[in-house]
Amino acid sequence: MPLINVKVIEGVFSSSQRREIVQKLTDAMVSIEGENMRGVTWCVLEEVHSGDWAIGGNALTTQDVQALAAGAGNDAPTGAVSVAAAGVAVG
């Protein structure tokens, strides 16, 4: 039985966006494994405290991700710039 485990930084996604993430990831997995597996496909979405997630040694906060999602470039906080440079998709 598949388990999809997703971690996001707290406060970045609304409750409706989190539900959409779970639904779409489940749909993607079912498209591979077959509809009969939907009922046993688990999806866990965990929120990590703002600042407890780091990339390249730089802590990433909710505000960093929101700035990145809004298209902030060089004016983004240090963590967000590091994430953008690393090519991490957000949102």
Protein backbone atom coordinates (compact mmCIF):
# COMPACT_ATOMS: atom_id res chain seq x y z
CA MET A 1 0.00 0.00 0.00
CA PRO A 2 1.63 3.23 -1.13
CA LEU A 3 2.43 6.02 1.31
CA ILE A 4 2.98 9.51 -0.06
CA ASN A 5 4.77 11.67 2.53
CA VAL A 6 4.84 15.43 1.90
CA LYS A 7 6.50 18.03 4.09
CA VAL A 8 5.80 21.74 3.73
CA ILE A 9 6.71 24.79 5.78
CA GLU A 10 3.90 25.86 8.09
CA GLY A 11 1.73 28.75 7.00
CA VAL A 12 2.67 28.59 3.33
CA PHE A 13 -0.40 26.71 2.08
CA SER A 14 -4.01 27.29 3.08
CA SER A 15 -6.13 24.36 4.25
CA SER A 16 -7.82 24.22 0.83
CA GLN A 17 -4.41 24.17 -0.90
CA ARG A 18 -3.24 21.36 1.40
CA ARG A 19 -6.36 19.35 0.54
CA GLU A 20 -5.66 19.97 -3.15
CA ILE A 21 -2.07 18.78 -2.74
CA VAL A 22 -3.26 15.56 -1.11
CA GLN A 23 -5.96 15.02 -3.74
CA LYS A 24 -3.70 15.65 -6.73
CA LEU A 25 -0.82 13.55 -5.41
CA THR A 26 -3.24 10.70 -4.70
CA ASP A 27 -4.69 11.06 -8.21
CA ALA A 28 -1.17 10.97 -9.68
CA MET A 29 -0.30 7.80 -7.79
CA VAL A 30 -3.60 6.14 -8.72
CA SER A 31 -2.97 6.99 -12.38
CA ILE A 32 0.16 4.83 -12.12
CA GLU A 33 -1.00 2.04 -9.83
CA GLY A 34 -4.66 1.76 -10.90
CA GLU A 35 -7.98 2.94 -9.53
CA ASN A 36 -8.42 -0.17 -7.38
CA MET A 37 -5.55 1.08 -5.19
CA ARG A 38 -7.15 4.47 -4.35
CA GLY A 39 -8.66 3.18 -1.10
CA VAL A 40 -5.29 2.01 0.19
CA THR A 41 -3.15 4.92 -1.03
CA TRP A 42 -2.11 6.94 2.00
CA CYS A 43 -1.01 10.57 1.83
CA VAL A 44 0.45 12.34 4.86
CA LEU A 45 1.07 16.07 4.72
CA GLU A 46 3.26 17.35 7.53
CA GLU A 47 4.03 20.97 8.32
CA VAL A 48 7.54 21.87 9.46
CA HIS A 49 7.97 24.88 11.74
CA SER A 50 9.07 28.06 9.99
CA GLY A 51 12.85 28.30 10.22
CA ASP A 52 13.30 24.57 10.96
CA TRP A 53 13.83 23.77 7.26
CA ALA A 54 17.20 24.59 5.76
CA ILE A 55 18.76 24.28 2.34
CA GLY A 56 22.48 24.68 1.88
CA GLY A 57 22.82 25.67 5.54
CA ASN A 58 20.31 28.51 5.22
CA ALA A 59 17.14 28.40 7.31
CA LEU A 60 13.97 28.90 5.29
CA THR A 61 10.97 30.66 6.81
CA THR A 62 7.34 30.98 5.84
CA GLN A 63 8.05 34.57 4.78
CA ASP A 64 10.96 33.45 2.58
CA VAL A 65 8.74 30.99 0.72
CA GLN A 66 5.93 33.52 0.36
CA ALA A 67 8.39 36.05 -1.07
CA LEU A 68 9.73 33.44 -3.48
CA ALA A 69 6.22 32.45 -4.57
CA ALA A 70 5.41 36.12 -5.13
CA GLY A 71 8.33 36.37 -7.53
CA ALA A 72 10.82 38.11 -5.27
CA GLY A 73 14.28 38.14 -6.82
CA ASN A 74 17.33 39.77 -5.35
CA ASP A 75 15.25 41.47 -2.66
CA ALA A 76 14.17 38.10 -1.21
CA PRO A 77 15.50 37.02 2.18
CA THR A 78 18.73 35.01 2.17
CA GLY A 79 17.02 31.64 2.56
CA ALA A 80 14.67 32.29 -0.35
CA VAL A 81 17.51 33.34 -2.62
CA SER A 82 19.37 30.14 -1.76
CA VAL A 83 16.31 28.05 -2.56
CA ALA A 84 15.79 29.84 -5.87
CA ALA A 85 19.43 29.29 -6.76
CA ALA A 86 19.09 25.62 -5.89
CA GLY A 87 16.15 25.30 -8.30
CA VAL A 88 13.66 24.17 -5.69
CA ALA A 89 10.03 24.46 -6.80
CA VAL A 90 7.73 26.19 -4.34
CA GLY A 91 3.96 26.51 -4.40
